[in-house]
Structure formats: C-alpha cells, structure tokens
Amino acid sequence: MTTAAPRRAAIPAGVSLDIWGTLLASDPEFKPARNRMLRDALAPGVPADVFDTAVRAADRAVDERCVRLGADIGFAGRIEAALVALGLPTEQVAARAGELVAAQEELALAHPPRPLHVELPAAVSALPMPVVLTSNTGMLPGELMRKLLVPAGFGGLPGVFSNEVGVAKPHPEVFAQACAVLGLPPARVRHVGDNPDADMVGARAVGMTAELVRPDGVSTLRVLRGLQP
C-alpha cells in the first residue's frame, strides 16, 4: 500500500507580506546612531550604555504591549517609555517631536535597512499575484518606510502601516485593510510573517491563510518560491 503524497496548499489569489524579520533587517549602524542623537537631545547626562539599554528594553516592552492589545504606539510613546525608565521627564519629547522625527529620518535614509536575502526583491517581483506589505511600524512611520523600501528593492508596493491605520497587528482592522487593498476576501489571501502572535494569530482570525517564517531571509525566499504556480 502506497502513501499518498501530501497535497500542496492552494495557491492564493493575493499575498500579504510582513516587513521586519520577513523581508528586511535594520542596518547595524542605524540604531546606535539614532540612540546617540536621542541621548544628545534628551539625556546628555546619562551614560551611553545605560541609555541604549533603556531604549532597547522600552522598545521591546512596547512591542509586546502592541501585540497584546492591538494598539499602535509609535516614536514618541517609545521614547517616553525609555525616559520614564531612566527617571527623566517626558515633556521634552512632545516639545521636540518634529525635530527628533526629522533627525531620525535623516539617519534612517543614511543607514537604510537591507533585504534579509539578496534574492528577496526579485522573488517578490516575480509573484504572479498582487502583493501588499502589512507592517507594524514601531519607531519608523509608514511615510518613512515607503522611502526606505525603495533602495531595499521593494519600492512601489502598496503598504498598510499600523500608524496610519491607528491599530497594530494582530488587530483585525490591519488585515482587513490589507485585503481591501488587494480587492480580495480574506480567504483568498496568504499572509507571510515572522511573528506567531502578530502575524499568524491576527491573519487567521480574519480568515486569511498564514505562513510563519524565520527571520533569516532563506525561509521567506522558500515560501515565496512555493507561491509560484
């Protein structure tokens, strides 16, 4: 008696792709440069290593809160959380928000993110179905992300960004908007991402199929090639 080979999953009519950890990785020089800028502006008396640790811990804690609550907390909220942890006043963040956001953009454009795998841009471009990028934004808002996607090889793709939606993955509205951009019902869209909670739970909750990848680029490349007919 022979065993039938497992059936290949149906090819979706549209694809939703997470960005960070799925397509892109941060330039290793960007966050240290941003931390220097923020420390000089907001906490010059704090040792660099102490400030860096506080920013990293606050960013991680806020990420977890966003996933838990489906809330979008951006640049100002994350910096304020770091200052609170350091016992510093937070009023200066709001007062200098425009200046700090502009400085962050300048640094991000000088140290843009890179594809996790050199072949990912071509693999996305080769997909025979429409694609939307569906991303929680964290410190980098959608307006800036669109600029950063161009040198990474993903320019021109439509995007749904949490700061523009007002909620964050796994909130269903993020995925609903992604499907609306594609003009497809959720059941015909495959979401690909690296976060089990934000990506997998969120997408499946609205009726999309979902595939989890590792943040190594190779895993994403394998999934994208598997979406070829």
Protein backbone atom coordinates (compact mmCIF):
# COMPACT_ATOMS: atom_id res chain seq x y z
CA MET A 1 0.00 0.00 0.00
CA THR A 2 1.44 3.33 -1.05
CA THR A 3 1.05 6.51 0.92
CA ALA A 4 -0.27 9.48 -0.98
CA ALA A 5 1.98 12.50 -1.05
CA PRO A 6 0.69 15.44 0.95
CA ARG A 7 -1.33 17.85 -1.11
CA ARG A 8 0.23 21.20 -1.81
CA ALA A 9 -1.64 24.13 -0.29
CA ALA A 10 -3.76 26.03 -2.77
CA ILE A 11 -2.04 28.99 -4.39
CA PRO A 12 -3.63 32.18 -3.00
CA ALA A 13 -5.06 34.92 -5.18
CA GLY A 14 -3.14 37.59 -3.26
CA VAL A 15 -0.25 37.83 -0.81
CA SER A 16 0.28 39.99 2.27
CA LEU A 17 3.88 40.30 3.46
CA ASP A 18 5.17 41.47 6.81
CA ILE A 19 8.28 43.65 6.51
CA TRP A 20 10.65 43.45 9.50
CA GLY A 21 12.07 39.97 10.02
CA THR A 22 10.32 38.79 6.87
CA LEU A 23 11.77 41.00 4.13
CA LEU A 24 14.06 43.49 5.85
CA ALA A 25 16.69 43.78 8.57
CA SER A 26 17.89 47.03 10.11
CA ASP A 27 21.29 48.39 9.11
CA PRO A 28 23.53 47.64 12.11
CA GLU A 29 24.72 51.25 12.21
CA PHE A 30 21.26 52.81 12.32
CA LYS A 31 20.08 52.18 15.88
CA PRO A 32 23.39 53.15 17.53
CA ALA A 33 23.37 56.39 15.51
CA ARG A 34 19.76 57.10 16.46
CA ASN A 35 20.49 56.41 20.13
CA ARG A 36 23.38 58.89 20.05
CA MET A 37 21.11 61.52 18.55
CA LEU A 38 18.36 60.89 21.11
CA ARG A 39 20.73 60.84 24.06
CA ASP A 40 22.40 64.09 22.98
CA ALA A 41 18.98 65.72 22.65
CA LEU A 42 17.13 64.30 25.64
CA ALA A 43 19.52 62.76 28.16
CA PRO A 44 23.07 64.07 27.76
CA GLY A 45 23.91 63.24 31.36
CA VAL A 46 23.07 59.54 31.01
CA PRO A 47 25.91 57.14 30.11
CA ALA A 48 25.61 55.82 26.57
CA ASP A 49 25.34 52.17 27.57
CA VAL A 50 22.64 52.92 30.15
CA PHE A 51 20.64 54.95 27.63
CA ASP A 52 21.00 52.30 24.91
CA THR A 53 19.80 49.58 27.28
CA ALA A 54 16.78 51.65 28.33
CA VAL A 55 15.76 52.39 24.74
CA ARG A 56 16.14 48.76 23.71
CA ALA A 57 14.14 47.50 26.70
CA ALA A 58 11.40 50.10 26.22
CA ASP A 59 11.09 49.32 22.52
CA ARG A 60 10.78 45.60 23.24
CA ALA A 61 8.24 46.13 26.05
CA VAL A 62 6.13 48.42 23.88
CA ASP A 63 6.25 45.90 21.02
CA GLU A 64 4.87 43.26 23.38
CA ARG A 65 2.15 45.62 24.56
CA CYS A 66 1.16 46.45 20.99
CA VAL A 67 0.81 42.78 20.12
CA ARG A 68 -1.10 42.06 23.31
CA LEU A 69 -3.54 44.95 22.89
CA GLY A 70 -3.54 45.51 19.13
CA ALA A 71 -2.54 49.11 19.88
CA ASP A 72 -0.19 51.23 17.80
CA ILE A 73 2.45 53.05 19.85
CA GLY A 74 4.93 54.99 17.79
CA PHE A 75 8.11 57.02 18.07
CA ALA A 76 7.09 59.43 20.83
CA GLY A 77 5.47 56.79 23.03
CA ARG A 78 8.52 54.55 22.87
CA ILE A 79 10.99 57.31 23.67
CA GLU A 80 8.79 58.48 26.54
CA ALA A 81 8.79 54.91 27.91
CA ALA A 82 12.59 54.89 27.86
CA LEU A 83 12.78 58.24 29.64
CA VAL A 84 10.34 57.06 32.31
CA ALA A 85 12.56 54.03 32.92
CA LEU A 86 15.51 56.39 33.33
CA GLY A 87 13.61 58.62 35.74
CA LEU A 88 13.66 61.57 33.34
CA PRO A 89 10.83 63.97 32.38
CA THR A 90 8.92 63.17 29.20
CA GLU A 91 7.52 66.60 28.30
CA GLN A 92 10.52 67.38 26.14
CA VAL A 93 9.61 64.58 23.70
CA ALA A 94 6.36 66.26 22.67
CA ALA A 95 8.00 69.68 22.60
CA ARG A 96 10.76 68.49 20.26
CA ALA A 97 8.87 65.79 18.35
CA GLY A 98 9.18 67.38 14.91
CA GLU A 99 12.91 67.94 15.31
CA LEU A 100 13.54 64.42 16.62
CA VAL A 101 11.45 62.70 13.94
CA ALA A 102 13.26 64.67 11.22
CA ALA A 103 16.63 63.71 12.69
CA GLN A 104 15.59 60.07 12.81
CA GLU A 105 14.53 60.19 9.15
CA GLU A 106 17.87 61.66 8.13
CA LEU A 107 19.71 58.85 9.93
CA ALA A 108 17.41 56.14 8.55
CA LEU A 109 17.96 57.34 4.99
CA ALA A 110 21.72 57.41 5.60
CA HIS A 111 21.62 53.87 7.04
CA PRO A 112 18.69 52.20 5.21
CA PRO A 113 17.51 48.68 6.00
CA ARG A 114 18.62 45.84 3.78
CA PRO A 115 16.85 42.77 2.40
CA LEU A 116 17.28 39.70 4.59
CA HIS A 117 18.33 37.84 1.44
CA VAL A 118 19.72 39.37 -1.73
CA GLU A 119 17.18 37.46 -3.87
CA LEU A 120 14.07 38.58 -1.97
CA PRO A 121 13.25 41.68 -4.06
CA ALA A 122 13.29 39.65 -7.26
CA ALA A 123 11.26 36.86 -5.65
CA VAL A 124 8.56 39.31 -4.58
CA SER A 125 8.55 40.95 -8.01
CA ALA A 126 8.15 37.53 -9.66
CA LEU A 127 4.99 36.62 -7.75
CA PRO A 128 2.12 36.18 -10.20
CA MET A 129 -0.48 37.62 -7.82
CA PRO A 130 -0.91 41.08 -6.26
CA VAL A 131 1.12 41.84 -3.12
CA VAL A 132 0.58 44.19 -0.19
CA LEU A 133 3.06 44.95 2.58
CA THR A 134 1.39 44.74 6.00
CA SER A 135 3.53 46.08 8.82
CA ASN A 136 3.58 47.33 12.37
CA THR A 137 5.67 50.47 12.24
CA GLY A 138 7.08 50.97 15.73
CA MET A 139 9.53 53.88 15.64
CA LEU A 140 9.51 54.28 11.83
CA PRO A 141 6.19 55.59 10.45
CA GLY A 142 4.69 54.48 7.16
CA GLU A 143 5.68 57.68 5.38
CA LEU A 144 9.34 57.00 6.13
CA MET A 145 9.03 53.27 5.45
CA ARG A 146 7.87 53.96 1.90
CA LYS A 147 11.08 55.90 1.30
CA LEU A 148 13.24 53.16 2.85
CA LEU A 149 11.61 50.41 0.81
CA VAL A 150 12.86 51.94 -2.45
CA PRO A 151 16.62 51.34 -2.02
CA ALA A 152 15.87 47.93 -0.49
CA GLY A 153 14.20 46.87 -3.75
CA PHE A 154 10.57 46.90 -2.62
CA GLY A 155 9.56 50.36 -3.81
CA GLY A 156 6.16 50.83 -5.38
CA LEU A 157 4.41 48.04 -3.49
CA PRO A 158 1.23 49.13 -1.69
CA GLY A 159 1.50 49.15 2.08
CA VAL A 160 -0.73 49.02 5.12
CA PHE A 161 1.12 50.54 8.08
CA SER A 162 -0.09 50.40 11.66
CA ASN A 163 0.48 54.08 12.43
CA GLU A 164 -1.77 55.01 9.51
CA VAL A 165 -4.47 52.50 10.46
CA GLY A 166 -4.36 53.53 14.13
CA VAL A 167 -4.09 49.97 15.44
CA ALA A 168 -1.40 47.30 15.19
CA LYS A 169 -1.23 43.65 14.24
CA PRO A 170 -2.83 41.37 15.37
CA HIS A 171 -5.80 43.78 15.34
CA PRO A 172 -8.19 42.59 12.61
CA GLU A 173 -8.51 46.04 11.05
CA VAL A 174 -4.90 45.91 9.84
CA PHE A 175 -5.54 42.68 7.96
CA ALA A 176 -8.94 43.85 6.74
CA GLN A 177 -7.29 46.87 5.16
CA ALA A 178 -4.62 44.68 3.56
CA CYS A 179 -7.33 42.55 1.95
CA ALA A 180 -9.16 45.69 0.83
CA VAL A 181 -6.01 46.96 -0.88
CA LEU A 182 -5.79 43.66 -2.75
CA GLY A 183 -9.51 43.73 -3.53
CA LEU A 184 -9.85 40.17 -2.28
CA PRO A 185 -11.75 38.40 0.51
CA PRO A 186 -9.53 37.16 3.38
CA ALA A 187 -9.97 33.50 2.43
CA ARG A 188 -8.14 34.15 -0.84
CA VAL A 189 -5.15 35.93 0.72
CA ARG A 190 -2.00 34.37 2.22
CA HIS A 191 -0.16 36.38 4.89
CA VAL A 192 3.54 35.69 5.45
CA GLY A 193 5.29 36.89 8.59
CA ASP A 194 7.75 36.02 11.35
CA ASN A 195 5.69 36.76 14.48
CA PRO A 196 3.46 33.90 15.69
CA ASP A 197 1.10 36.25 17.53
CA ALA A 198 1.02 39.43 15.46
CA ASP A 199 1.16 37.68 12.08
CA MET A 200 -0.22 34.16 12.39
CA VAL A 201 -2.93 34.69 15.03
CA GLY A 202 -4.00 38.01 13.55
CA ALA A 203 -4.25 36.86 9.94
CA ARG A 204 -6.01 33.60 10.71
CA ALA A 205 -8.52 35.37 12.96
CA VAL A 206 -9.92 37.25 9.96
CA GLY A 207 -9.96 34.16 7.72
CA MET A 208 -6.68 34.54 5.85
CA THR A 209 -4.26 31.68 5.47
CA ALA A 210 -0.88 32.38 7.05
CA GLU A 211 2.65 31.06 6.88
CA LEU A 212 5.29 31.59 9.56
CA VAL A 213 8.88 32.25 8.51
CA ARG A 214 12.15 32.58 10.38
CA PRO A 215 13.88 35.99 10.30
CA ASP A 216 16.75 34.69 8.19
CA GLY A 217 15.62 35.56 4.66
CA VAL A 218 16.09 32.00 3.42
CA SER A 219 12.82 30.92 4.99
CA THR A 220 10.91 33.76 3.32
CA LEU A 221 12.56 33.05 -0.02
CA ARG A 222 11.46 29.42 0.17
CA VAL A 223 7.86 30.43 0.89
CA LEU A 224 7.78 32.95 -1.95
CA ARG A 225 9.12 30.42 -4.44
CA GLY A 226 6.46 28.00 -3.24
CA LEU A 227 3.80 30.52 -4.25
CA GLN A 228 4.76 30.19 -7.88
CA PRO A 229 2.15 28.16 -9.82
